[in-house]
């Protein structure tokens, strides 16, 4: 967009984006904490704009999104080991704090860790790491954010399952036309459960096929 900002400010000459010689930096540390910077921001927001600028933005927002840009699907993204994965948002019931499951006597099905209490109800705790062959010791915390293990309570065919995850990113929205095929380098155990891969910021997230995963969850209780 072509509309210019107010005249060059002191922050770009003697402030944090300049030579740093401003005496007020000793007190304020950063220009954004200074009253001069705040006044300039208010003046910038209150400036008059010309007709060409208004027309340019009007054309920008009037243009229809292409089919490839319409984010008509969503999934809840989480990390297990080093793998960022996602399940359709419609499967998610709730997010709960991570708790240790209680073992179920005489039940040793693959993936079944036990039962957990979520909201006063008992649910089977199924480890996707076991079902998908993921090393839970892999991966690391993302820089600049706190990482907390969670339990995702998901529903498949009238039954709810608690899935332990190492980190929760949240809901991602994406255009189905932009879903990419899984890379050949992805863990083979995971790859066969993926319907595709989407990019979210610096992450590549594997979209799990709800039907295939749901079948494995139900199978773990047999």
Protein backbone atom coordinates (compact mmCIF):
# COMPACT_ATOMS: atom_id res chain seq x y z
CA UNK A 1 0.00 0.00 0.00
CA UNK A 2 1.32 3.41 -0.94
CA UNK A 3 0.20 5.64 1.91
CA UNK A 4 3.34 6.94 3.63
CA UNK A 5 3.90 7.14 7.36
CA UNK A 6 4.68 10.40 9.19
CA UNK A 7 8.09 12.00 8.78
CA UNK A 8 11.12 10.09 9.93
CA UNK A 9 11.03 9.88 13.73
CA UNK A 10 13.74 10.21 16.34
CA UNK A 11 13.64 6.45 16.98
CA UNK A 12 15.13 5.81 13.54
CA UNK A 13 17.89 8.40 14.02
CA UNK A 14 18.99 8.23 17.65
CA UNK A 15 16.74 5.47 19.02
CA UNK A 16 16.79 1.67 18.92
CA UNK A 17 16.68 1.56 15.11
CA UNK A 18 19.21 4.42 14.86
CA UNK A 19 22.56 4.92 16.51
CA UNK A 20 21.20 4.47 20.07
CA UNK A 21 22.52 7.83 21.26
CA UNK A 22 19.22 9.12 22.72
CA UNK A 23 19.63 10.00 26.41
CA UNK A 24 16.09 8.81 27.16
CA UNK A 25 16.99 5.21 26.34
CA UNK A 26 18.66 4.97 29.74
CA UNK A 27 15.26 5.52 31.34
CA UNK A 28 12.93 3.85 28.84
CA UNK A 29 15.19 1.04 27.52
CA UNK A 30 13.16 0.90 24.27
CA UNK A 31 11.59 3.64 22.16
CA UNK A 32 8.16 2.04 22.42
CA UNK A 33 8.13 2.99 26.12
CA UNK A 34 8.76 6.67 25.36
CA UNK A 35 6.05 9.32 25.15
CA UNK A 36 7.47 10.72 21.91
CA UNK A 37 6.97 7.35 20.23
CA UNK A 38 3.40 7.06 21.54
CA UNK A 39 2.51 10.55 20.33
CA UNK A 40 3.90 9.78 16.88
CA UNK A 41 1.84 6.56 16.78
CA UNK A 42 -1.38 8.44 17.60
CA UNK A 43 -0.56 11.04 14.96
CA UNK A 44 0.06 8.26 12.43
CA UNK A 45 -3.27 6.56 13.18
CA UNK A 46 -5.14 9.86 12.98
CA UNK A 47 -3.64 11.06 9.71
CA UNK A 48 -5.77 11.84 6.68
CA UNK A 49 -5.68 9.42 3.78
CA UNK A 50 -6.21 10.20 0.14
CA UNK A 51 -8.77 8.71 -2.22
CA UNK A 52 -6.21 6.56 -4.02
CA UNK A 53 -5.29 4.88 -0.73
CA UNK A 54 -8.96 4.17 0.06
CA UNK A 55 -9.58 2.77 -3.43
CA UNK A 56 -6.53 0.53 -3.19
CA UNK A 57 -7.68 -1.05 0.09
CA UNK A 58 -11.26 -1.31 -1.14
CA UNK A 59 -10.08 -3.28 -4.18
CA UNK A 60 -7.93 -5.48 -1.94
CA UNK A 61 -10.82 -6.49 0.35
CA UNK A 62 -13.36 -6.69 -2.49
CA UNK A 63 -11.37 -9.29 -4.40
CA UNK A 64 -12.84 -12.79 -3.83
CA UNK A 65 -10.63 -15.48 -2.41
CA UNK A 66 -9.62 -18.20 -4.79
CA UNK A 67 -10.64 -21.77 -3.96
CA UNK A 68 -7.04 -22.49 -2.98
CA UNK A 69 -7.07 -19.68 -0.39
CA UNK A 70 -10.37 -20.45 1.33
CA UNK A 71 -9.60 -21.97 4.73
CA UNK A 72 -12.63 -24.23 4.82
CA UNK A 73 -11.17 -26.97 7.01
CA UNK A 74 -9.68 -27.04 10.49
CA UNK A 75 -7.79 -29.42 12.75
CA UNK A 76 -6.33 -29.39 16.25
CA UNK A 77 -2.53 -29.61 16.09
CA UNK A 78 -0.34 -31.24 18.72
CA UNK A 79 3.11 -32.73 19.11
CA UNK A 80 4.09 -36.29 20.00
CA UNK A 81 7.84 -36.75 20.20
CA UNK A 82 9.26 -34.82 17.24
CA UNK A 83 6.10 -35.18 15.12
CA UNK A 84 3.55 -32.37 14.72
CA UNK A 85 0.21 -33.99 13.94
CA UNK A 86 -3.43 -32.95 13.78
CA UNK A 87 -6.87 -34.50 14.05
CA UNK A 88 -10.09 -33.00 12.64
CA UNK A 89 -11.53 -30.40 15.01
CA UNK A 90 -14.86 -32.25 15.03
CA UNK A 91 -13.27 -35.12 16.95
CA UNK A 92 -12.12 -32.92 19.84
CA UNK A 93 -14.27 -32.97 22.99
CA UNK A 94 -12.01 -31.08 25.37
CA UNK A 95 -8.42 -30.43 26.44
CA UNK A 96 -7.46 -31.57 29.93
CA UNK A 97 -4.31 -31.39 32.08
CA UNK A 98 -1.99 -34.34 31.80
CA UNK A 99 -2.40 -36.97 34.53
CA UNK A 100 -0.92 -40.41 34.96
CA UNK A 101 -3.39 -43.14 33.94
CA UNK A 102 -4.44 -45.95 36.27
CA UNK A 103 -3.45 -49.34 34.94
CA UNK A 104 -6.21 -51.73 33.92
CA UNK A 105 -5.57 -55.26 35.27
CA UNK A 106 -5.25 -58.05 32.69
CA UNK A 107 -5.45 -55.64 29.77
CA UNK A 108 -2.29 -55.34 27.71
CA UNK A 109 -3.52 -54.11 24.35
CA UNK A 110 -1.04 -52.09 22.33
CA UNK A 111 -1.43 -48.40 23.11
CA UNK A 112 -3.75 -48.79 26.11
CA UNK A 113 -2.07 -47.03 29.02
CA UNK A 114 -5.00 -47.31 31.44
CA UNK A 115 -7.91 -45.09 32.42
CA UNK A 116 -8.02 -41.42 33.40
CA UNK A 117 -10.57 -39.23 35.14
CA UNK A 118 -11.57 -36.21 33.07
CA UNK A 119 -14.41 -34.05 34.32
CA UNK A 120 -15.60 -36.75 36.71
CA UNK A 121 -15.81 -39.45 34.04
CA UNK A 122 -13.43 -42.32 33.33
CA UNK A 123 -11.99 -42.65 29.84
CA UNK A 124 -9.49 -45.06 28.28
CA UNK A 125 -6.06 -43.46 27.83
CA UNK A 126 -4.56 -44.45 24.48
CA UNK A 127 -1.00 -43.55 23.48
CA UNK A 128 -0.87 -42.54 19.83
CA UNK A 129 2.91 -42.81 20.13
CA UNK A 130 2.51 -46.59 20.54
CA UNK A 131 -0.04 -46.93 17.76
CA UNK A 132 1.96 -44.84 15.28
CA UNK A 133 5.44 -45.95 16.28
CA UNK A 134 6.67 -42.53 17.46
CA UNK A 135 9.65 -42.07 19.78
CA UNK A 136 8.26 -39.93 22.62
CA UNK A 137 11.77 -38.85 23.63
CA UNK A 138 12.27 -37.01 20.36
CA UNK A 139 11.43 -33.38 19.69
CA UNK A 140 12.05 -30.26 21.75
CA UNK A 141 10.24 -27.23 23.11
CA UNK A 142 9.52 -24.41 20.70
CA UNK A 143 11.51 -21.25 21.36
CA UNK A 144 9.55 -18.40 22.94
CA UNK A 145 6.68 -20.42 24.38
CA UNK A 146 5.89 -22.57 27.36
CA UNK A 147 5.32 -26.25 26.71
CA UNK A 148 2.85 -28.33 28.70
CA UNK A 149 1.82 -31.94 28.24
CA UNK A 150 -1.93 -32.34 27.77
CA UNK A 151 -4.64 -34.92 27.38
CA UNK A 152 -6.84 -34.53 24.32
CA UNK A 153 -10.26 -36.05 24.80
CA UNK A 154 -11.49 -37.07 21.36
CA UNK A 155 -14.61 -38.91 20.24
CA UNK A 156 -14.92 -41.65 17.67
CA UNK A 157 -18.14 -43.61 17.08
CA UNK A 158 -19.84 -42.77 20.40
CA UNK A 159 -16.77 -43.45 22.55
CA UNK A 160 -14.33 -40.90 23.97
CA UNK A 161 -10.59 -41.53 24.26
CA UNK A 162 -7.91 -39.59 26.13
CA UNK A 163 -4.75 -39.07 24.09
CA UNK A 164 -1.54 -37.87 25.80
CA UNK A 165 0.39 -35.24 23.82
CA UNK A 166 3.68 -33.51 24.59
CA UNK A 167 2.61 -30.07 23.34
CA UNK A 168 -0.55 -28.46 22.02
CA UNK A 169 -0.45 -25.84 19.28
CA UNK A 170 -4.20 -25.36 18.93
CA UNK A 171 -6.60 -25.14 16.02
CA UNK A 172 -5.20 -24.59 12.55
CA UNK A 173 -7.37 -23.58 9.61
CA UNK A 174 -6.35 -24.50 6.13
CA UNK A 175 -7.57 -24.66 2.56
CA UNK A 176 -8.09 -28.27 1.43
CA UNK A 177 -6.60 -27.34 -1.95
CA UNK A 178 -3.31 -26.47 -0.23
CA UNK A 179 -2.88 -29.83 1.51
CA UNK A 180 0.36 -31.44 0.33
CA UNK A 181 1.23 -35.13 0.11
CA UNK A 182 3.35 -36.52 2.96
CA UNK A 183 7.09 -36.39 2.37
CA UNK A 184 8.94 -39.64 1.87
CA UNK A 185 11.13 -38.80 4.89
CA UNK A 186 8.22 -38.95 7.35
CA UNK A 187 8.21 -41.81 9.85
CA UNK A 188 6.74 -44.79 7.96
CA UNK A 189 4.57 -45.76 10.91
CA UNK A 190 3.00 -42.30 10.87
CA UNK A 191 2.91 -41.92 7.10
CA UNK A 192 0.27 -44.58 6.50
CA UNK A 193 -2.14 -42.75 8.83
CA UNK A 194 -1.77 -39.36 7.12
CA UNK A 195 -4.15 -37.83 4.62
CA UNK A 196 -1.71 -35.00 3.89
CA UNK A 197 0.48 -32.26 5.31
CA UNK A 198 -0.21 -28.56 5.91
CA UNK A 199 2.18 -25.72 6.73
CA UNK A 200 1.52 -23.48 9.73
CA UNK A 201 4.17 -20.79 10.28
CA UNK A 202 7.43 -22.76 10.66
CA UNK A 203 5.72 -26.12 11.24
CA UNK A 204 4.77 -28.89 8.86
CA UNK A 205 1.80 -30.66 10.38
CA UNK A 206 0.69 -34.14 9.40
CA UNK A 207 -3.10 -34.44 9.04
CA UNK A 208 -4.18 -37.76 10.55
CA UNK A 209 -6.94 -39.66 8.80
CA UNK A 210 -9.81 -39.74 11.32
CA UNK A 211 -11.12 -43.09 10.13
CA UNK A 212 -7.78 -44.89 10.27
CA UNK A 213 -6.90 -43.46 13.69
CA UNK A 214 -10.40 -44.10 15.03
CA UNK A 215 -10.16 -47.75 14.00
CA UNK A 216 -6.87 -48.11 15.88
CA UNK A 217 -8.32 -46.44 18.99
CA UNK A 218 -11.26 -48.86 19.03
CA UNK A 219 -8.95 -51.79 18.36
CA UNK A 220 -6.86 -50.93 21.44
CA UNK A 221 -9.87 -51.73 23.66
CA UNK A 222 -10.55 -55.17 22.24
